[in-house]
Amino acid sequence: MEEETFASDHLYLCAYLVCCGHNVVGRSRNGWRVSFEFHKTPELLGAVGQFMAGGVIPARQFSFEVLKLKRTLNGGQLQ
């Protein structure tokens, strides 16, 4: 049985999720839009809610994760 995934094209949400310890497990493309995929778990959905409510994470880590995700948009590999 395949695990359900959560996908988002919101770059900052995805960087936040990575900072919270959730790994990107794939990417999907719809035209020019790229979505990052994560394993859908209650913890992940909780982190999405925290982001929407103004969750706080270290700025330096966040900016680093944004840069890493942007690189994958330009042909880089997920790590």
N, C-alpha and C. Protein backbone atom coordinates (compact mmCIF):
# COMPACT_ATOMS: atom_id res chain seq x y z
N MET A 1 0.84 -1.19 0.00
CA MET A 1 0.00 0.00 0.00
C MET A 1 0.88 1.25 0.00
N GLU A 2 0.60 2.15 -0.92
CA GLU A 2 1.36 3.39 -1.00
C GLU A 2 0.92 4.37 0.07
N GLU A 3 1.90 5.11 0.58
CA GLU A 3 1.57 6.15 1.55
C GLU A 3 0.96 7.34 0.83
N GLU A 4 0.02 7.99 1.49
CA GLU A 4 -0.56 9.21 0.95
C GLU A 4 0.48 10.31 1.03
N THR A 5 0.41 11.22 0.06
CA THR A 5 1.32 12.35 0.09
C THR A 5 0.54 13.66 0.20
N PHE A 6 1.23 14.64 0.72
CA PHE A 6 0.74 16.01 0.78
C PHE A 6 1.62 16.79 -0.17
N ALA A 7 1.02 17.53 -1.10
CA ALA A 7 1.79 18.29 -2.08
C ALA A 7 1.42 19.76 -1.99
N SER A 8 2.43 20.61 -2.14
CA SER A 8 2.20 22.05 -2.13
C SER A 8 3.19 22.74 -3.06
N ASP A 9 2.71 23.79 -3.72
CA ASP A 9 3.60 24.62 -4.53
C ASP A 9 3.96 25.91 -3.80
N HIS A 10 3.62 26.00 -2.52
CA HIS A 10 3.93 27.17 -1.69
C HIS A 10 5.34 26.98 -1.14
N LEU A 11 6.30 27.64 -1.77
CA LEU A 11 7.72 27.45 -1.46
C LEU A 11 8.02 27.68 0.02
N TYR A 12 7.45 28.72 0.60
CA TYR A 12 7.77 29.04 2.00
C TYR A 12 7.16 28.03 2.96
N LEU A 13 5.97 27.53 2.65
CA LEU A 13 5.38 26.47 3.47
C LEU A 13 6.27 25.23 3.40
N CYS A 14 6.72 24.88 2.21
CA CYS A 14 7.56 23.70 2.06
C CYS A 14 8.87 23.85 2.82
N ALA A 15 9.48 25.03 2.76
CA ALA A 15 10.71 25.27 3.52
C ALA A 15 10.44 25.16 5.02
N TYR A 16 9.32 25.67 5.47
CA TYR A 16 8.93 25.57 6.87
C TYR A 16 8.80 24.10 7.27
N LEU A 17 8.14 23.31 6.44
CA LEU A 17 7.95 21.89 6.74
C LEU A 17 9.29 21.17 6.84
N VAL A 18 10.21 21.49 5.95
CA VAL A 18 11.54 20.88 6.01
C VAL A 18 12.24 21.28 7.31
N CYS A 19 12.12 22.54 7.68
CA CYS A 19 12.71 23.01 8.94
C CYS A 19 12.12 22.29 10.15
N CYS A 20 10.88 21.86 10.04
CA CYS A 20 10.21 21.14 11.13
C CYS A 20 10.53 19.65 11.12
N GLY A 21 11.39 19.22 10.20
CA GLY A 21 11.84 17.83 10.19
C GLY A 21 11.14 16.91 9.21
N HIS A 22 10.34 17.46 8.31
CA HIS A 22 9.64 16.64 7.31
C HIS A 22 10.45 16.63 6.02
N ASN A 23 10.63 15.45 5.46
CA ASN A 23 11.44 15.32 4.25
C ASN A 23 10.60 15.42 2.99
N VAL A 24 11.16 16.08 1.99
CA VAL A 24 10.55 16.10 0.66
C VAL A 24 10.76 14.71 0.07
N VAL A 25 9.68 14.09 -0.38
CA VAL A 25 9.78 12.73 -0.93
C VAL A 25 9.60 12.71 -2.43
N GLY A 26 9.29 13.85 -3.03
CA GLY A 26 9.13 13.91 -4.47
C GLY A 26 8.72 15.29 -4.94
N ARG A 27 8.66 15.41 -6.25
CA ARG A 27 8.20 16.65 -6.88
C ARG A 27 7.23 16.28 -7.98
N SER A 28 6.32 17.19 -8.25
CA SER A 28 5.43 17.02 -9.40
C SER A 28 5.32 18.35 -10.10
N ARG A 29 5.08 18.29 -11.40
CA ARG A 29 5.01 19.51 -12.21
C ARG A 29 3.67 19.57 -12.91
N ASN A 30 3.08 20.77 -12.90
CA ASN A 30 1.85 21.03 -13.63
C ASN A 30 2.10 22.32 -14.39
N GLY A 31 2.51 22.19 -15.65
CA GLY A 31 2.91 23.38 -16.41
C GLY A 31 4.18 23.95 -15.81
N TRP A 32 4.13 25.22 -15.46
CA TRP A 32 5.29 25.89 -14.85
C TRP A 32 5.35 25.69 -13.34
N ARG A 33 4.27 25.22 -12.75
CA ARG A 33 4.20 25.09 -11.29
C ARG A 33 4.77 23.76 -10.84
N VAL A 34 5.62 23.83 -9.83
CA VAL A 34 6.20 22.63 -9.24
C VAL A 34 5.70 22.52 -7.82
N SER A 35 5.24 21.33 -7.47
CA SER A 35 4.81 21.06 -6.10
C SER A 35 5.81 20.11 -5.46
N PHE A 36 6.08 20.34 -4.21
CA PHE A 36 6.92 19.44 -3.42
C PHE A 36 5.99 18.51 -2.66
N GLU A 37 6.39 17.24 -2.58
CA GLU A 37 5.55 16.23 -1.95
C GLU A 37 6.19 15.74 -0.65
N PHE A 38 5.34 15.51 0.34
CA PHE A 38 5.74 15.02 1.65
C PHE A 38 4.85 13.85 2.01
N HIS A 39 5.33 12.95 2.89
CA HIS A 39 4.45 11.90 3.42
C HIS A 39 3.38 12.59 4.26
N LYS A 40 2.14 12.25 4.00
CA LYS A 40 1.02 12.87 4.72
C LYS A 40 0.83 12.16 6.06
N THR A 41 1.14 12.86 7.13
CA THR A 41 1.01 12.33 8.48
C THR A 41 0.28 13.36 9.34
N PRO A 42 -0.25 12.93 10.48
CA PRO A 42 -0.86 13.91 11.38
C PRO A 42 0.13 14.99 11.82
N GLU A 43 1.40 14.61 11.99
CA GLU A 43 2.42 15.59 12.39
C GLU A 43 2.64 16.63 11.29
N LEU A 44 2.67 16.18 10.04
CA LEU A 44 2.84 17.11 8.93
C LEU A 44 1.66 18.07 8.86
N LEU A 45 0.45 17.53 8.96
CA LEU A 45 -0.73 18.38 8.89
C LEU A 45 -0.75 19.37 10.06
N GLY A 46 -0.25 18.94 11.21
CA GLY A 46 -0.13 19.85 12.35
C GLY A 46 0.86 20.98 12.06
N ALA A 47 1.97 20.64 11.40
CA ALA A 47 2.97 21.66 11.05
C ALA A 47 2.40 22.64 10.02
N VAL A 48 1.58 22.15 9.10
CA VAL A 48 0.92 23.05 8.13
C VAL A 48 0.06 24.05 8.89
N GLY A 49 -0.70 23.56 9.85
CA GLY A 49 -1.52 24.44 10.68
C GLY A 49 -0.71 25.45 11.45
N GLN A 50 0.44 25.00 11.97
CA GLN A 50 1.32 25.93 12.70
C GLN A 50 1.83 27.03 11.77
N PHE A 51 2.20 26.65 10.54
CA PHE A 51 2.66 27.65 9.57
C PHE A 51 1.58 28.69 9.32
N MET A 52 0.35 28.20 9.09
CA MET A 52 -0.76 29.11 8.79
C MET A 52 -1.09 30.01 9.98
N ALA A 53 -0.78 29.55 11.19
CA ALA A 53 -1.05 30.34 12.40
C ALA A 53 0.13 31.22 12.80
N GLY A 54 1.20 31.24 11.97
CA GLY A 54 2.34 32.11 12.27
C GLY A 54 3.45 31.43 13.04
N GLY A 55 3.63 30.13 12.83
CA GLY A 55 4.68 29.38 13.50
C GLY A 55 6.05 30.02 13.33
N VAL A 56 6.88 29.86 14.33
CA VAL A 56 8.21 30.49 14.34
C VAL A 56 9.29 29.41 14.25
N ILE A 57 10.25 29.64 13.37
CA ILE A 57 11.42 28.78 13.22
C ILE A 57 12.64 29.67 13.05
N PRO A 58 13.85 29.14 13.21
CA PRO A 58 15.05 29.95 13.04
C PRO A 58 15.18 30.51 11.61
N ALA A 59 15.39 31.79 11.51
CA ALA A 59 15.43 32.47 10.21
C ALA A 59 16.55 31.95 9.31
N ARG A 60 17.71 31.71 9.87
CA ARG A 60 18.85 31.26 9.06
C ARG A 60 18.56 29.89 8.45
N GLN A 61 18.03 28.98 9.26
CA GLN A 61 17.68 27.65 8.76
C GLN A 61 16.61 27.77 7.67
N PHE A 62 15.61 28.61 7.90
CA PHE A 62 14.54 28.80 6.92
C PHE A 62 15.09 29.32 5.60
N SER A 63 15.95 30.34 5.64
CA SER A 63 16.48 30.90 4.40
C SER A 63 17.34 29.87 3.67
N PHE A 64 18.07 29.05 4.41
CA PHE A 64 18.88 28.01 3.80
C PHE A 64 17.99 26.98 3.08
N GLU A 65 16.89 26.59 3.72
CA GLU A 65 15.98 25.60 3.11
C GLU A 65 15.28 26.18 1.88
N VAL A 66 14.93 27.47 1.92
CA VAL A 66 14.34 28.11 0.74
C VAL A 66 15.32 28.04 -0.43
N LEU A 67 16.59 28.35 -0.18
CA LEU A 67 17.60 28.30 -1.25
C LEU A 67 17.75 26.90 -1.79
N LYS A 68 17.76 25.89 -0.91
CA LYS A 68 17.90 24.51 -1.37
C LYS A 68 16.71 24.10 -2.23
N LEU A 69 15.50 24.47 -1.82
CA LEU A 69 14.32 24.13 -2.62
C LEU A 69 14.35 24.84 -3.97
N LYS A 70 14.76 26.10 -3.98
CA LYS A 70 14.85 26.83 -5.25
C LYS A 70 15.83 26.17 -6.20
N ARG A 71 16.94 25.67 -5.66
CA ARG A 71 17.91 24.99 -6.52
C ARG A 71 17.29 23.76 -7.18
N THR A 72 16.44 23.05 -6.46
CA THR A 72 15.82 21.87 -7.06
C THR A 72 14.86 22.25 -8.18
N LEU A 73 14.32 23.47 -8.11
CA LEU A 73 13.44 23.93 -9.18
C LEU A 73 14.21 24.15 -10.47
N ASN A 74 15.48 24.44 -10.34
CA ASN A 74 16.33 24.71 -11.51
C ASN A 74 17.15 23.50 -11.92
N GLY A 75 16.62 22.31 -11.66
CA GLY A 75 17.27 21.09 -12.13
C GLY A 75 18.16 20.42 -11.11
N GLY A 76 18.26 20.96 -9.91
CA GLY A 76 19.07 20.31 -8.89
C GLY A 76 18.37 19.08 -8.33
N GLN A 77 19.10 18.31 -7.58
CA GLN A 77 18.57 17.08 -7.00
C GLN A 77 18.08 17.33 -5.58
N LEU A 78 17.04 16.61 -5.18
CA LEU A 78 16.59 16.62 -3.79
C LEU A 78 17.63 15.86 -2.97
N GLN A 79 17.89 16.34 -1.78
CA GLN A 79 18.88 15.65 -0.92
C GLN A 79 18.22 15.12 0.31
